[in-house]
């Protein structure tokens, strides 16, 4: 039976050659600069697939949903994963299949949100994150004392 190994929220992610490339990953808090904003993020997912599923080339459905806590879920993405048998695999060995999706979410107020990943309509893993109130404006910069220009140094004539 296939299972979700992990789910990571990131600023950017992509999978190339079954290798995950991740930037700004593992966060759980957003602090916006404006009250309503759109945030672009990536969701990286890894599933472990049993040997028999790999040999029989079974496809696995991955659904990614989003919901503010206490609100209805909204389906963001559905993807199909089919791990491939490779010459490097040993008989009986599980295979990892990874995917990364980029999404944009609209936030209108602070709150707690869940990204839920389900596998084949059953197994789920949830990552919770928080949207903070708008960040306070930065204090005005403290003025620095005026620096006096450096005195010009006279160059010495080389000795002959």
Protein backbone atom coordinates (compact mmCIF):
# COMPACT_ATOMS: atom_id res chain seq x y z
CA UNK A 1 0.00 0.00 0.00
CA UNK A 2 1.34 3.43 -0.93
CA UNK A 3 1.69 6.04 1.80
CA UNK A 4 2.45 9.75 2.05
CA UNK A 5 5.99 10.13 3.32
CA UNK A 6 6.02 13.90 3.81
CA UNK A 7 4.50 17.25 2.77
CA UNK A 8 6.50 20.50 2.83
CA UNK A 9 5.35 24.09 2.23
CA UNK A 10 7.94 26.22 0.46
CA UNK A 11 8.45 29.47 -1.40
CA UNK A 12 9.45 27.47 -4.46
CA UNK A 13 9.94 23.77 -5.27
CA UNK A 14 10.38 21.53 -8.26
CA UNK A 15 11.20 17.89 -8.87
CA UNK A 16 13.65 16.99 -11.62
CA UNK A 17 14.81 13.40 -12.09
CA UNK A 18 13.04 12.46 -8.82
CA UNK A 19 15.24 14.96 -6.95
CA UNK A 20 13.53 17.74 -4.99
CA UNK A 21 14.88 21.27 -5.41
CA UNK A 22 13.52 23.47 -2.62
CA UNK A 23 13.83 27.16 -1.72
CA UNK A 24 12.44 28.68 1.46
CA UNK A 25 10.97 25.38 2.64
CA UNK A 26 9.43 24.30 5.92
CA UNK A 27 7.72 27.53 6.93
CA UNK A 28 4.51 27.65 8.97
CA UNK A 29 3.82 31.38 9.30
CA UNK A 30 3.09 34.23 6.88
CA UNK A 31 3.23 37.89 7.91
CA UNK A 32 1.71 40.06 5.18
CA UNK A 33 2.42 43.71 4.37
CA UNK A 34 -1.17 44.40 3.30
CA UNK A 35 -4.54 43.27 4.74
CA UNK A 36 -5.64 41.27 1.66
CA UNK A 37 -2.97 39.59 -0.41
CA UNK A 38 -2.19 36.74 -2.77
CA UNK A 39 0.68 34.49 -1.74
CA UNK A 40 2.49 32.23 -4.20
CA UNK A 41 3.78 29.03 -2.64
CA UNK A 42 4.79 25.50 -3.49
CA UNK A 43 3.64 22.23 -1.96
CA UNK A 44 6.17 19.39 -2.16
CA UNK A 45 4.93 15.82 -1.61
CA UNK A 46 6.67 12.46 -1.38
CA UNK A 47 4.93 9.10 -1.45
CA UNK A 48 6.41 5.66 -0.76
CA UNK A 49 5.12 2.97 -3.13
CA UNK A 50 5.32 -0.78 -2.49
CA UNK A 51 7.35 -2.98 -4.83
CA UNK A 52 4.25 -4.70 -6.27
CA UNK A 53 2.66 -1.36 -7.19
CA UNK A 54 5.84 -0.33 -9.02
CA UNK A 55 6.13 -3.63 -10.92
CA UNK A 56 2.43 -3.52 -11.89
CA UNK A 57 2.74 0.19 -12.84
CA UNK A 58 -0.21 1.25 -10.69
CA UNK A 59 -1.08 4.95 -10.77
CA UNK A 60 -1.71 6.81 -7.53
CA UNK A 61 -4.02 9.81 -7.24
CA UNK A 62 -2.82 12.74 -5.15
CA UNK A 63 -5.31 15.48 -4.18
CA UNK A 64 -4.17 18.72 -2.54
CA UNK A 65 -6.78 20.83 -0.79
CA UNK A 66 -6.75 24.08 1.20
CA UNK A 67 -9.04 25.37 3.94
CA UNK A 68 -8.98 27.97 6.66
CA UNK A 69 -9.56 26.07 9.91
CA UNK A 70 -13.31 25.59 10.38
CA UNK A 71 -14.18 26.40 6.76
CA UNK A 72 -14.91 24.25 3.72
CA UNK A 73 -12.03 22.66 1.83
CA UNK A 74 -11.22 23.72 -1.71
CA UNK A 75 -9.52 21.31 -4.12
CA UNK A 76 -6.37 22.96 -5.50
CA UNK A 77 -4.70 20.21 -7.51
CA UNK A 78 -5.18 16.59 -8.54
CA UNK A 79 -2.15 14.73 -9.86
CA UNK A 80 -1.37 11.18 -10.87
CA UNK A 81 1.90 9.52 -9.86
CA UNK A 82 3.26 6.30 -11.32
CA UNK A 83 6.70 5.31 -10.04
CA UNK A 84 8.80 3.56 -12.64
CA UNK A 85 10.89 0.45 -12.23
CA UNK A 86 14.58 1.35 -12.53
CA UNK A 87 17.63 -0.88 -13.00
CA UNK A 88 19.01 0.35 -9.64
CA UNK A 89 16.04 -0.98 -7.64
CA UNK A 90 16.39 -4.13 -5.58
CA UNK A 91 13.55 -6.60 -5.56
CA UNK A 92 11.09 -5.89 -2.78
CA UNK A 93 12.35 -2.31 -2.31
CA UNK A 94 9.89 0.58 -1.96
CA UNK A 95 10.09 3.39 -4.49
CA UNK A 96 9.77 7.10 -3.75
CA UNK A 97 7.66 9.29 -6.01
CA UNK A 98 7.83 13.05 -5.51
CA UNK A 99 5.96 16.00 -6.92
CA UNK A 100 5.92 19.74 -6.39
CA UNK A 101 3.08 22.06 -7.35
CA UNK A 102 3.03 25.85 -7.38
CA UNK A 103 -0.17 27.54 -6.26
CA UNK A 104 -1.50 31.01 -5.44
CA UNK A 105 -3.77 31.53 -2.43
CA UNK A 106 -5.83 34.63 -1.59
CA UNK A 107 -5.83 35.67 2.08
CA UNK A 108 -8.28 38.33 3.29
CA UNK A 109 -7.70 38.10 7.03
CA UNK A 110 -5.38 36.59 9.64
CA UNK A 111 -6.08 33.00 10.58
CA UNK A 112 -5.00 29.38 10.61
CA UNK A 113 -5.02 27.31 7.41
CA UNK A 114 -4.56 23.66 6.47
CA UNK A 115 -3.08 22.16 3.33
CA UNK A 116 -4.25 18.57 3.16
CA UNK A 117 -2.82 15.93 0.83
CA UNK A 118 -4.76 12.73 0.22
CA UNK A 119 -3.51 9.63 -1.53
CA UNK A 120 -5.91 7.44 -3.51
CA UNK A 121 -8.85 9.11 -1.76
CA UNK A 122 -7.91 7.81 1.68
CA UNK A 123 -4.56 8.42 3.34
CA UNK A 124 -4.09 12.04 4.30
CA UNK A 125 -1.39 14.25 5.71
CA UNK A 126 -2.07 17.82 6.85
CA UNK A 127 0.30 20.77 7.14
CA UNK A 128 -1.00 23.69 9.18
CA UNK A 129 0.17 27.28 8.78
CA UNK A 130 -0.79 30.66 10.21
CA UNK A 131 -1.40 34.02 8.56
CA UNK A 132 -0.50 36.79 11.01
CA UNK A 133 -2.04 40.26 11.15
CA UNK A 134 -0.47 42.87 8.86
CA UNK A 135 3.11 43.66 9.88
CA UNK A 136 3.63 46.95 11.69
CA UNK A 137 5.33 49.59 9.57
CA UNK A 138 9.05 49.87 10.09
CA UNK A 139 10.13 52.70 12.38
CA UNK A 140 11.62 55.65 10.57
CA UNK A 141 15.30 55.25 10.11
CA UNK A 142 17.41 56.91 12.74
CA UNK A 143 19.45 59.68 11.20
CA UNK A 144 23.15 59.11 11.42
CA UNK A 145 25.49 61.89 12.46
CA UNK A 146 27.07 63.65 9.55
CA UNK A 147 30.50 62.34 8.80
CA UNK A 148 33.35 64.79 8.27
CA UNK A 149 35.21 64.33 5.03
CA UNK A 150 38.58 62.68 5.45
CA UNK A 151 41.59 64.95 5.17
CA UNK A 152 43.48 64.60 1.97
CA UNK A 153 46.83 62.95 2.45
CA UNK A 154 49.80 64.40 0.73
CA UNK A 155 51.67 61.89 -1.26
CA UNK A 156 55.39 61.72 -0.74
CA UNK A 157 57.69 62.04 -3.63
CA UNK A 158 59.67 58.92 -4.27
CA UNK A 159 63.31 59.18 -3.30
CA UNK A 160 65.71 59.14 -6.10
